């Protein structure tokens, strides 16, 4: 990195508000998880995405595993996950490796997410199900949430193909089905390249149509230039498709190659948005600067804030 880039990055870090700085957690808990996942050559979004809450989540026996490799077929402008070249073949032993890690770590609640795999015929839906089934063999008491891509296979398969892939996972009876819209309608194009706002809403609607008993969840990431009215409208759009749970957090630029932060929303603003979300009928709300999609995912009753 040239000196001018180093200076720019340092300046950006120094400008970060105090409420976004926090200790990472106990080194022993983090190193234990890192050792177990490294030994099995598997991935967690906690590490790949450099989540600021990973130490806290590990201590609460919660972790989010990143399935199907660390390379995404899409190139969202906000995301830390590797992209831009061909993904690796799926590791057919990954479900077993993840299940072993869950058992060794004694995890009570597991979130399974993945990179987008537009190169696969089923977009990876079958791999999700295999991993869910294997975890249940090893740890039958562990609850499993999924955080999925949109499973859109292109115009050739259309919505019927997408519905079939989603149905495959719904049939596995997960504890929660999460799919993030990430940002407001106006900013979806530049922020979520390859994704569509209404397509993501349709994912959540399909889950409820297939099985109304499965809780659905989505997340918003603020700081891209959205207005309060746009955020409230996005929340209303989520409620209109029956979305039960919501996370709202602050976007933090992973590197100079990613979109710059347009605004740091204050803790008070997050608190107000959380209150608005609860008034709109969301049953579980987490709204705070450091909140991420899987933050306190295993809690059955959550409020706003940290």
Protein backbone atom coordinates (compact mmCIF):
# COMPACT_ATOMS: atom_id res chain seq x y z
CA UNK A 1 0.00 0.00 0.00
CA UNK A 2 1.44 3.36 -1.01
CA UNK A 3 1.96 6.03 1.63
CA UNK A 4 -0.97 8.15 0.45
CA UNK A 5 -3.33 5.20 0.85
CA UNK A 6 -1.91 4.43 4.28
CA UNK A 7 -2.45 8.05 5.31
CA UNK A 8 -6.03 8.00 4.01
CA UNK A 9 -6.83 4.77 5.83
CA UNK A 10 -5.30 6.06 9.08
CA UNK A 11 -7.29 9.28 8.77
CA UNK A 12 -10.50 7.33 8.26
CA UNK A 13 -9.84 5.14 11.29
CA UNK A 14 -9.09 8.17 13.44
CA UNK A 15 -12.35 9.79 12.32
CA UNK A 16 -14.39 6.80 13.48
CA UNK A 17 -16.69 7.73 16.39
CA UNK A 18 -15.85 6.45 19.86
CA UNK A 19 -19.00 4.32 20.03
CA UNK A 20 -17.63 2.11 17.23
CA UNK A 21 -14.51 1.20 19.19
CA UNK A 22 -14.74 -1.79 21.48
CA UNK A 23 -12.48 -4.54 22.88
CA UNK A 24 -12.55 -7.65 20.70
CA UNK A 25 -13.06 -10.09 23.58
CA UNK A 26 -11.04 -12.75 25.36
CA UNK A 27 -8.10 -13.91 23.27
CA UNK A 28 -8.41 -17.46 24.62
CA UNK A 29 -11.99 -17.84 23.38
CA UNK A 30 -11.14 -16.41 19.97
CA UNK A 31 -8.01 -18.53 19.54
CA UNK A 32 -9.90 -21.73 20.45
CA UNK A 33 -12.45 -21.15 17.69
CA UNK A 34 -9.76 -20.09 15.22
CA UNK A 35 -7.73 -23.23 15.93
CA UNK A 36 -10.68 -25.59 15.45
CA UNK A 37 -11.86 -24.02 12.19
CA UNK A 38 -8.33 -23.75 10.81
CA UNK A 39 -7.62 -27.42 11.52
CA UNK A 40 -10.67 -28.35 9.46
CA UNK A 41 -10.11 -25.77 6.72
CA UNK A 42 -13.58 -24.34 7.17
CA UNK A 43 -14.64 -20.72 7.42
CA UNK A 44 -16.73 -18.46 9.63
CA UNK A 45 -18.15 -15.11 8.57
CA UNK A 46 -17.08 -13.97 12.04
CA UNK A 47 -13.45 -14.18 10.90
CA UNK A 48 -13.80 -13.58 7.14
CA UNK A 49 -15.90 -10.48 7.78
CA UNK A 50 -13.80 -9.33 10.78
CA UNK A 51 -16.92 -8.98 12.89
CA UNK A 52 -16.40 -6.71 15.93
CA UNK A 53 -18.64 -8.95 18.06
CA UNK A 54 -17.01 -12.31 17.46
CA UNK A 55 -15.40 -12.59 20.91
CA UNK A 56 -18.74 -11.91 22.60
CA UNK A 57 -20.60 -14.38 20.38
CA UNK A 58 -18.01 -17.12 20.91
CA UNK A 59 -18.34 -16.64 24.67
CA UNK A 60 -22.12 -17.10 24.32
CA UNK A 61 -21.58 -20.36 22.39
CA UNK A 62 -22.77 -18.89 19.10
CA UNK A 63 -20.93 -18.78 15.78
CA UNK A 64 -21.71 -18.21 12.10
CA UNK A 65 -20.19 -20.62 9.60
CA UNK A 66 -19.49 -19.55 6.02
CA UNK A 67 -20.28 -22.45 3.69
CA UNK A 68 -19.01 -23.30 0.20
CA UNK A 69 -15.66 -21.55 0.39
CA UNK A 70 -14.50 -17.98 1.03
CA UNK A 71 -14.97 -16.69 -2.54
CA UNK A 72 -18.25 -15.11 -3.71
CA UNK A 73 -19.51 -15.07 -7.30
CA UNK A 74 -20.93 -11.58 -6.77
CA UNK A 75 -19.11 -8.36 -5.99
CA UNK A 76 -21.10 -6.30 -3.49
CA UNK A 77 -19.34 -3.02 -2.87
CA UNK A 78 -19.55 -3.20 0.94
CA UNK A 79 -18.53 -6.79 1.67
CA UNK A 80 -15.21 -8.02 3.10
CA UNK A 81 -15.59 -11.54 1.67
CA UNK A 82 -13.23 -12.40 -1.19
CA UNK A 83 -14.59 -12.06 -4.73
CA UNK A 84 -13.58 -11.40 -8.29
CA UNK A 85 -12.32 -14.81 -9.35
CA UNK A 86 -13.67 -18.33 -9.80
CA UNK A 87 -14.80 -20.00 -6.56
CA UNK A 88 -13.34 -23.30 -5.45
CA UNK A 89 -15.18 -26.59 -5.92
CA UNK A 90 -17.43 -27.43 -2.97
CA UNK A 91 -15.75 -29.43 -0.24
CA UNK A 92 -18.01 -32.47 0.05
CA UNK A 93 -16.65 -33.10 3.54
CA UNK A 94 -17.59 -29.61 4.76
CA UNK A 95 -20.89 -30.66 6.42
CA UNK A 96 -18.97 -33.21 8.51
CA UNK A 97 -16.22 -30.71 9.36
CA UNK A 98 -18.71 -28.04 10.42
CA UNK A 99 -20.67 -30.55 12.50
CA UNK A 100 -17.48 -31.66 14.26
CA UNK A 101 -16.58 -28.02 15.00
CA UNK A 102 -20.06 -27.34 16.40
CA UNK A 103 -19.77 -30.36 18.69
CA UNK A 104 -16.22 -29.57 19.84
CA UNK A 105 -17.10 -25.96 20.61
CA UNK A 106 -20.31 -26.97 22.39
CA UNK A 107 -22.32 -24.43 20.43
CA UNK A 108 -25.93 -23.92 21.49
CA UNK A 109 -26.92 -21.88 18.43
CA UNK A 110 -25.40 -21.96 14.98
CA UNK A 111 -25.93 -19.67 12.02
CA UNK A 112 -25.13 -21.09 8.59
CA UNK A 113 -24.47 -18.58 5.86
CA UNK A 114 -22.68 -18.77 2.54
CA UNK A 115 -21.14 -16.84 -0.27
CA UNK A 116 -23.32 -16.54 -3.38
CA UNK A 117 -22.64 -19.54 -5.63
CA UNK A 118 -24.28 -18.61 -8.91
CA UNK A 119 -22.02 -21.19 -10.56
CA UNK A 120 -23.93 -24.11 -8.98
CA UNK A 121 -27.17 -25.53 -10.43
CA UNK A 122 -29.02 -25.23 -7.10
CA UNK A 123 -27.05 -22.18 -5.91
CA UNK A 124 -25.86 -24.27 -2.96
CA UNK A 125 -29.27 -24.94 -1.35
CA UNK A 126 -28.59 -28.67 -1.15
CA UNK A 127 -25.29 -28.06 0.62
CA UNK A 128 -27.10 -26.01 3.28
CA UNK A 129 -29.47 -28.93 3.89
CA UNK A 130 -26.67 -31.50 4.08
CA UNK A 131 -24.86 -29.36 6.64
CA UNK A 132 -28.01 -28.88 8.71
CA UNK A 133 -28.66 -32.63 8.75
CA UNK A 134 -25.09 -33.47 9.74
CA UNK A 135 -25.03 -30.94 12.58
CA UNK A 136 -28.22 -32.49 13.93
CA UNK A 137 -26.61 -35.93 13.89
CA UNK A 138 -23.71 -34.67 16.01
CA UNK A 139 -25.52 -32.07 18.14
CA UNK A 140 -29.30 -32.69 18.14
CA UNK A 141 -29.98 -29.97 20.73
CA UNK A 142 -28.23 -27.21 18.76
CA UNK A 143 -30.56 -24.73 17.09
CA UNK A 144 -29.74 -23.78 13.51
CA UNK A 145 -30.48 -20.48 11.77
CA UNK A 146 -29.71 -19.86 8.09
CA UNK A 147 -28.62 -16.60 6.50
CA UNK A 148 -28.93 -17.26 2.78
CA UNK A 149 -28.24 -15.57 -0.53
CA UNK A 150 -31.26 -14.98 -2.77
CA UNK A 151 -30.85 -18.29 -4.67
CA UNK A 152 -31.70 -16.52 -7.91
CA UNK A 153 -30.56 -18.75 -10.77
CA UNK A 154 -31.07 -16.24 -13.55
CA UNK A 155 -33.85 -15.74 -16.07
CA UNK A 156 -33.59 -19.36 -17.25
CA UNK A 157 -34.95 -20.80 -14.01
CA UNK A 158 -36.86 -17.72 -12.90
CA UNK A 159 -38.91 -17.47 -9.74
CA UNK A 160 -40.01 -21.11 -9.85
CA UNK A 161 -36.40 -22.28 -9.61
CA UNK A 162 -35.73 -19.84 -6.81
CA UNK A 163 -38.81 -21.07 -4.94
CA UNK A 164 -37.69 -24.68 -5.29
CA UNK A 165 -34.28 -23.90 -3.78
CA UNK A 166 -35.83 -22.00 -0.88
CA UNK A 167 -38.32 -24.82 -0.30
CA UNK A 168 -35.43 -27.26 0.05
CA UNK A 169 -34.19 -25.32 3.08
CA UNK A 170 -37.63 -24.54 4.50
CA UNK A 171 -38.34 -28.28 4.61
CA UNK A 172 -35.35 -28.68 6.95
CA UNK A 173 -37.31 -26.77 9.63
CA UNK A 174 -34.64 -24.27 10.67
CA UNK A 175 -34.98 -22.10 13.78
CA UNK A 176 -34.95 -18.91 11.69
CA UNK A 177 -34.62 -18.04 7.99
CA UNK A 178 -32.59 -14.86 7.49
CA UNK A 179 -32.03 -13.01 4.25
CA UNK A 180 -30.68 -9.47 4.35
CA UNK A 181 -31.93 -6.67 2.14
CA UNK A 182 -28.85 -4.76 3.45
CA UNK A 183 -29.88 -1.29 2.26
CA UNK A 184 -32.80 0.83 1.06
CA UNK A 185 -34.38 0.51 -2.37
CA UNK A 186 -32.63 3.55 -3.90
CA UNK A 187 -29.15 2.33 -2.96
CA UNK A 188 -29.51 -1.36 -3.77
CA UNK A 189 -27.88 -1.04 -7.21
CA UNK A 190 -24.55 0.51 -6.17
CA UNK A 191 -24.34 -1.29 -2.81
CA UNK A 192 -25.55 -4.81 -3.68
CA UNK A 193 -24.28 -5.52 -7.17
CA UNK A 194 -26.16 -8.41 -8.72
CA UNK A 195 -29.00 -8.25 -6.19
CA UNK A 196 -32.49 -6.76 -6.48
CA UNK A 197 -34.48 -5.15 -3.67
CA UNK A 198 -37.81 -6.73 -4.62
CA UNK A 199 -36.17 -10.09 -5.27
CA UNK A 200 -34.86 -10.12 -1.70
CA UNK A 201 -38.29 -9.21 -0.33
CA UNK A 202 -39.67 -12.08 -2.40
CA UNK A 203 -37.28 -14.54 -0.71
CA UNK A 204 -38.75 -13.66 2.68
CA UNK A 205 -42.30 -13.79 1.31
CA UNK A 206 -41.70 -17.25 -0.17
CA UNK A 207 -40.52 -18.63 3.17
CA UNK A 208 -43.76 -17.55 4.83
CA UNK A 209 -45.83 -18.91 1.93
CA UNK A 210 -44.09 -22.28 2.25
CA UNK A 211 -44.19 -22.47 6.06
CA UNK A 212 -45.69 -19.63 8.05
CA UNK A 213 -44.35 -21.06 11.33
CA UNK A 214 -40.69 -20.39 10.49
CA UNK A 215 -39.53 -17.00 11.80
CA UNK A 216 -38.01 -14.78 9.11
CA UNK A 217 -35.38 -12.14 9.64
CA UNK A 218 -33.57 -9.45 7.68
CA UNK A 219 -30.95 -6.79 8.25
CA UNK A 220 -30.16 -3.22 7.27
CA UNK A 221 -26.69 -1.69 7.17
CA UNK A 222 -26.71 2.09 7.56
CA UNK A 223 -24.12 4.58 6.39
CA UNK A 224 -24.44 4.55 2.59
CA UNK A 225 -26.36 7.82 2.32
CA UNK A 226 -29.87 6.62 3.12
CA UNK A 227 -32.40 8.90 4.83
CA UNK A 228 -34.45 8.08 7.91
CA UNK A 229 -37.62 8.03 5.81
CA UNK A 230 -36.02 5.51 3.44
CA UNK A 231 -35.01 3.27 6.34
CA UNK A 232 -38.53 3.39 7.78
CA UNK A 233 -39.94 2.55 4.34
CA UNK A 234 -37.58 -0.43 4.07
CA UNK A 235 -38.80 -1.65 7.46
CA UNK A 236 -42.40 -1.26 6.27
CA UNK A 237 -41.58 -3.25 3.13
CA UNK A 238 -40.16 -6.04 5.30
CA UNK A 239 -43.23 -6.12 7.52
CA UNK A 240 -45.42 -6.25 4.41
CA UNK A 241 -43.90 -9.65 3.53
CA UNK A 242 -44.27 -10.93 7.09
CA UNK A 243 -40.67 -10.47 8.25
CA UNK A 244 -40.56 -11.11 12.01
CA UNK A 245 -37.08 -10.07 13.10
CA UNK A 246 -34.77 -7.20 12.24
CA UNK A 247 -31.16 -6.16 12.76
CA UNK A 248 -29.90 -2.65 12.07
CA UNK A 249 -26.20 -1.79 12.23
CA UNK A 250 -23.56 0.64 11.03
CA UNK A 251 -21.59 0.00 7.85
CA UNK A 252 -17.85 0.23 8.44
CA UNK A 253 -15.61 0.35 5.40
CA UNK A 254 -13.41 -2.79 5.29
CA UNK A 255 -10.77 -1.21 3.02
CA UNK A 256 -10.19 1.68 0.62
CA UNK A 257 -11.41 -0.57 -2.20
CA UNK A 258 -14.90 -0.61 -0.68
CA UNK A 259 -17.58 2.08 -0.61
CA UNK A 260 -16.76 4.99 1.71
CA UNK A 261 -18.95 5.65 4.74
CA UNK A 262 -21.35 8.50 4.04
CA UNK A 263 -22.57 8.88 7.62
CA UNK A 264 -21.99 7.45 11.08
CA UNK A 265 -25.42 7.11 12.66
CA UNK A 266 -25.47 7.84 16.39
CA UNK A 267 -26.51 5.38 19.12
CA UNK A 268 -29.53 7.60 19.77
CA UNK A 269 -30.61 7.36 16.14
CA UNK A 270 -30.29 3.58 16.26
CA UNK A 271 -32.34 3.51 19.44
CA UNK A 272 -35.10 5.53 17.77
CA UNK A 273 -35.11 3.25 14.72
CA UNK A 274 -35.32 0.24 17.03
CA UNK A 275 -38.34 1.73 18.78
CA UNK A 276 -39.98 2.43 15.43
CA UNK A 277 -39.34 -1.16 14.32
CA UNK A 278 -40.98 -2.57 17.45
CA UNK A 279 -43.97 -0.28 16.96
CA UNK A 280 -44.28 -1.65 13.42
CA UNK A 281 -44.62 -5.16 14.79
CA UNK A 282 -41.19 -6.78 14.55
CA UNK A 283 -41.01 -9.38 17.32
CA UNK A 284 -37.21 -9.29 17.72
CA UNK A 285 -35.18 -6.13 17.08
CA UNK A 286 -31.49 -5.41 17.44
CA UNK A 287 -30.55 -1.86 16.49
CA UNK A 288 -27.14 -0.41 17.34
CA UNK A 289 -23.90 0.72 15.70
CA UNK A 290 -22.10 -2.61 16.18
CA UNK A 291 -25.09 -4.88 15.54
CA UNK A 292 -24.57 -7.45 12.79
CA UNK A 293 -26.90 -10.04 11.24
CA UNK A 294 -26.10 -12.78 13.74
CA UNK A 295 -25.64 -10.60 16.83
CA UNK A 296 -27.37 -12.32 19.79
CA UNK A 297 -29.07 -14.56 17.23
CA UNK A 298 -29.76 -17.25 19.81
CA UNK A 299 -31.75 -15.02 22.11
CA UNK A 300 -35.50 -15.50 22.04
CA UNK A 301 -36.31 -12.12 23.49
CA UNK A 302 -34.17 -9.21 22.35
CA UNK A 303 -34.52 -5.47 22.46
CA UNK A 304 -32.64 -2.67 20.77
CA UNK A 305 -29.18 -1.39 21.50
CA UNK A 306 -25.97 -3.31 22.08
